[in-house]
N, C-alpha and C. Protein backbone atom coordinates (compact mmCIF):
# COMPACT_ATOMS: atom_id res chain seq x y z
N MET A 1 21.44 3.88 -19.70
CA MET A 1 21.48 4.43 -21.05
C MET A 1 22.93 4.36 -21.51
N ALA A 2 23.23 3.37 -22.26
CA ALA A 2 24.62 3.21 -22.71
C ALA A 2 25.06 4.32 -23.62
N GLY A 3 26.19 4.95 -23.31
CA GLY A 3 26.75 5.97 -24.13
C GLY A 3 26.06 7.30 -24.05
N GLY A 4 24.88 7.34 -23.36
CA GLY A 4 24.15 8.58 -23.22
C GLY A 4 24.61 9.37 -22.04
N LYS A 5 24.21 10.69 -22.08
CA LYS A 5 24.57 11.55 -20.93
C LYS A 5 23.70 11.21 -19.79
N SER A 6 24.28 11.25 -18.59
CA SER A 6 23.48 11.07 -17.39
C SER A 6 22.85 12.43 -17.03
N ARG A 7 21.56 12.46 -16.80
CA ARG A 7 20.91 13.73 -16.46
C ARG A 7 20.69 13.82 -14.99
N ARG A 8 20.68 15.03 -14.54
CA ARG A 8 20.39 15.19 -13.08
C ARG A 8 19.60 16.47 -12.95
N ILE A 9 18.91 16.55 -11.85
CA ILE A 9 18.09 17.69 -11.59
C ILE A 9 18.70 18.43 -10.44
N ILE A 10 18.70 19.72 -10.47
CA ILE A 10 19.26 20.54 -9.36
C ILE A 10 18.07 21.19 -8.71
N ILE A 11 17.84 20.87 -7.48
CA ILE A 11 16.73 21.44 -6.66
C ILE A 11 17.33 22.64 -5.93
N ARG A 12 16.84 23.83 -6.32
CA ARG A 12 17.31 25.00 -5.65
C ARG A 12 16.97 25.01 -4.18
N PRO A 13 17.74 25.74 -3.35
CA PRO A 13 17.44 25.76 -1.91
C PRO A 13 16.02 26.26 -1.59
N ARG A 14 15.52 27.26 -2.36
CA ARG A 14 14.15 27.70 -2.11
C ARG A 14 13.13 26.67 -2.39
N ALA A 15 13.30 25.84 -3.47
CA ALA A 15 12.42 24.75 -3.81
C ALA A 15 12.45 23.73 -2.71
N ASP A 16 13.61 23.37 -2.26
CA ASP A 16 13.76 22.41 -1.16
C ASP A 16 13.06 22.88 0.06
N ARG A 17 13.17 24.12 0.40
CA ARG A 17 12.47 24.68 1.56
C ARG A 17 10.95 24.60 1.32
N ASP A 18 10.49 24.93 0.12
CA ASP A 18 9.08 24.83 -0.19
C ASP A 18 8.53 23.46 0.03
N VAL A 19 9.25 22.44 -0.43
CA VAL A 19 8.77 21.06 -0.22
C VAL A 19 8.71 20.67 1.21
N THR A 20 9.71 21.12 1.98
CA THR A 20 9.71 20.86 3.43
C THR A 20 8.55 21.52 4.14
N GLU A 21 8.41 22.80 3.82
CA GLU A 21 7.28 23.57 4.37
C GLU A 21 5.96 23.07 4.06
N LEU A 22 5.73 22.59 2.83
CA LEU A 22 4.49 21.98 2.44
C LEU A 22 4.24 20.69 3.23
N ALA A 23 5.33 19.88 3.33
CA ALA A 23 5.20 18.64 4.09
C ALA A 23 4.82 18.92 5.57
N ARG A 24 5.36 19.92 6.11
CA ARG A 24 5.06 20.30 7.49
C ARG A 24 3.60 20.79 7.61
N TYR A 25 3.20 21.46 6.67
CA TYR A 25 1.78 21.99 6.67
C TYR A 25 0.84 20.84 6.53
N ILE A 26 1.11 19.89 5.69
CA ILE A 26 0.24 18.68 5.52
C ILE A 26 0.31 17.84 6.73
N ALA A 27 1.44 17.80 7.47
CA ALA A 27 1.63 16.97 8.64
C ALA A 27 0.74 17.47 9.84
N GLU A 28 0.41 18.81 9.78
CA GLU A 28 -0.47 19.37 10.83
C GLU A 28 -1.83 18.60 10.91
N ASP A 29 -2.29 18.06 9.84
CA ASP A 29 -3.42 17.29 9.80
C ASP A 29 -3.25 15.84 9.64
N ASN A 30 -2.19 15.42 8.94
CA ASN A 30 -1.94 14.00 8.61
C ASN A 30 -0.54 13.72 8.36
N ALA A 31 0.16 13.11 9.40
CA ALA A 31 1.60 12.84 9.28
C ALA A 31 1.91 11.87 8.19
N GLU A 32 1.03 10.84 8.01
CA GLU A 32 1.28 9.86 6.94
C GLU A 32 1.17 10.51 5.58
N ALA A 33 0.23 11.42 5.37
CA ALA A 33 0.06 12.12 4.11
C ALA A 33 1.30 12.98 3.80
N ALA A 34 1.78 13.55 4.88
CA ALA A 34 3.00 14.39 4.70
C ALA A 34 4.16 13.62 4.21
N LEU A 35 4.35 12.37 4.82
CA LEU A 35 5.45 11.53 4.31
C LEU A 35 5.22 11.13 2.97
N ARG A 36 3.96 10.80 2.54
CA ARG A 36 3.66 10.39 1.13
C ARG A 36 3.94 11.57 0.23
N PHE A 37 3.62 12.81 0.66
CA PHE A 37 3.89 13.96 -0.14
C PHE A 37 5.43 14.12 -0.38
N TYR A 38 6.17 14.01 0.66
CA TYR A 38 7.60 14.19 0.54
C TYR A 38 8.23 13.13 -0.42
N GLU A 39 7.75 11.91 -0.26
CA GLU A 39 8.21 10.77 -1.10
C GLU A 39 7.70 10.99 -2.57
N ALA A 40 6.56 11.47 -2.69
CA ALA A 40 5.99 11.73 -4.07
C ALA A 40 6.74 12.89 -4.72
N ALA A 41 7.10 13.89 -4.01
CA ALA A 41 7.85 14.98 -4.59
C ALA A 41 9.22 14.45 -5.10
N GLU A 42 9.89 13.63 -4.26
CA GLU A 42 11.17 13.03 -4.68
C GLU A 42 11.00 12.19 -5.95
N GLU A 43 9.92 11.41 -6.02
CA GLU A 43 9.66 10.59 -7.22
C GLU A 43 9.39 11.46 -8.42
N SER A 44 8.70 12.55 -8.19
CA SER A 44 8.35 13.44 -9.31
C SER A 44 9.62 14.10 -9.86
N PHE A 45 10.51 14.49 -8.96
CA PHE A 45 11.86 14.98 -9.41
C PHE A 45 12.64 13.95 -10.20
N ASN A 46 12.55 12.69 -9.73
CA ASN A 46 13.21 11.63 -10.42
C ASN A 46 12.61 11.44 -11.82
N GLN A 47 11.29 11.52 -11.88
CA GLN A 47 10.64 11.40 -13.20
C GLN A 47 11.14 12.47 -14.18
N LEU A 48 11.29 13.69 -13.66
CA LEU A 48 11.80 14.78 -14.51
C LEU A 48 13.21 14.57 -14.89
N THR A 49 13.99 13.89 -14.10
CA THR A 49 15.36 13.63 -14.46
C THR A 49 15.37 12.65 -15.65
N ARG A 50 14.55 11.62 -15.56
CA ARG A 50 14.43 10.63 -16.68
C ARG A 50 13.81 11.16 -17.87
N MET A 51 12.77 12.03 -17.78
CA MET A 51 12.05 12.53 -18.90
C MET A 51 11.93 14.05 -18.73
N PRO A 52 12.89 14.85 -19.10
CA PRO A 52 12.92 16.25 -18.75
C PRO A 52 11.93 17.13 -19.47
N HIS A 53 11.30 16.57 -20.44
CA HIS A 53 10.32 17.42 -21.18
C HIS A 53 8.83 17.12 -20.78
N LEU A 54 8.65 16.47 -19.66
CA LEU A 54 7.29 16.21 -19.18
C LEU A 54 6.63 17.57 -18.82
N GLY A 55 5.38 17.60 -18.97
CA GLY A 55 4.66 18.76 -18.59
C GLY A 55 4.70 19.81 -19.69
N PRO A 56 3.62 20.61 -19.77
CA PRO A 56 3.55 21.61 -20.81
C PRO A 56 4.46 22.85 -20.52
N ALA A 57 5.06 23.33 -21.65
CA ALA A 57 5.72 24.61 -21.54
C ALA A 57 4.70 25.69 -21.44
N ARG A 58 4.89 26.67 -20.57
CA ARG A 58 3.91 27.71 -20.38
C ARG A 58 4.29 29.03 -21.04
N GLU A 59 3.37 29.83 -21.31
CA GLU A 59 3.62 31.15 -21.93
C GLU A 59 3.58 32.19 -20.81
N TYR A 60 4.61 33.01 -20.69
CA TYR A 60 4.67 34.07 -19.69
C TYR A 60 5.08 35.33 -20.37
N ARG A 61 4.69 36.47 -19.77
CA ARG A 61 5.05 37.77 -20.34
C ARG A 61 6.53 38.05 -20.12
N ASN A 62 7.05 37.55 -19.02
CA ASN A 62 8.47 37.77 -18.75
C ASN A 62 9.28 36.87 -19.60
N PRO A 63 10.17 37.37 -20.53
CA PRO A 63 10.96 36.59 -21.35
C PRO A 63 11.93 35.66 -20.68
N ARG A 64 12.28 36.03 -19.38
CA ARG A 64 13.24 35.14 -18.60
C ARG A 64 12.52 33.83 -18.32
N LEU A 65 11.22 33.73 -18.36
CA LEU A 65 10.54 32.57 -17.99
C LEU A 65 10.18 31.67 -19.23
N ARG A 66 10.66 32.06 -20.37
CA ARG A 66 10.35 31.33 -21.60
C ARG A 66 10.83 29.84 -21.42
N GLY A 67 9.95 28.91 -21.80
CA GLY A 67 10.26 27.56 -21.70
C GLY A 67 10.01 26.90 -20.35
N LEU A 68 9.52 27.71 -19.42
CA LEU A 68 9.22 27.16 -18.05
C LEU A 68 8.14 26.15 -18.19
N ARG A 69 8.33 25.03 -17.54
CA ARG A 69 7.27 23.90 -17.62
C ARG A 69 6.79 23.65 -16.21
N THR A 70 5.67 22.95 -16.18
CA THR A 70 5.09 22.58 -14.86
C THR A 70 4.86 21.11 -14.90
N TRP A 71 4.93 20.49 -13.72
CA TRP A 71 4.62 19.09 -13.59
C TRP A 71 4.06 18.88 -12.18
N PRO A 72 2.94 18.20 -12.06
CA PRO A 72 2.35 18.01 -10.72
C PRO A 72 3.07 16.92 -9.92
N VAL A 73 3.08 17.09 -8.64
CA VAL A 73 3.67 16.12 -7.73
C VAL A 73 2.69 14.95 -7.77
N THR A 74 3.33 13.73 -8.10
CA THR A 74 2.50 12.49 -8.25
C THR A 74 1.60 12.28 -7.08
N GLY A 75 0.27 12.21 -7.35
CA GLY A 75 -0.65 11.96 -6.29
C GLY A 75 -1.12 13.20 -5.55
N PHE A 76 -0.57 14.29 -5.84
CA PHE A 76 -0.82 15.58 -5.23
C PHE A 76 -0.97 16.67 -6.28
N ARG A 77 -1.95 16.53 -7.12
CA ARG A 77 -2.14 17.30 -8.36
C ARG A 77 -2.24 18.84 -8.04
N ASN A 78 -2.53 19.24 -6.87
CA ASN A 78 -2.66 20.60 -6.58
C ASN A 78 -1.31 21.32 -6.35
N TYR A 79 -0.19 20.49 -6.26
CA TYR A 79 1.08 21.01 -5.96
C TYR A 79 1.92 20.77 -7.27
N LEU A 80 2.40 21.91 -7.84
CA LEU A 80 3.13 21.85 -9.05
C LEU A 80 4.64 22.10 -8.88
N ILE A 81 5.44 21.48 -9.71
CA ILE A 81 6.82 21.70 -9.79
C ILE A 81 7.03 22.58 -11.05
N PHE A 82 7.68 23.73 -10.84
CA PHE A 82 8.03 24.60 -11.98
C PHE A 82 9.46 24.36 -12.29
N TYR A 83 9.76 24.12 -13.57
CA TYR A 83 11.14 23.80 -13.95
C TYR A 83 11.38 24.24 -15.35
């Protein structure tokens, strides 16, 4: 993107641990699926970097959560990224 700002996503330590723990959980039954999950999570984060307004903004009672969005991990729709 010429002249545009480069966007990046910051994955908080807790979110990074969550992805690792989920991959380990999936690996208990299927190591290949766990690797696919880990790679899909990384690709989903990359998608959000390129298109930061993907996913619906949710309504929450807590005003600190205003504007929080969700996006599913590609290919693993039961796992959501909250950002």
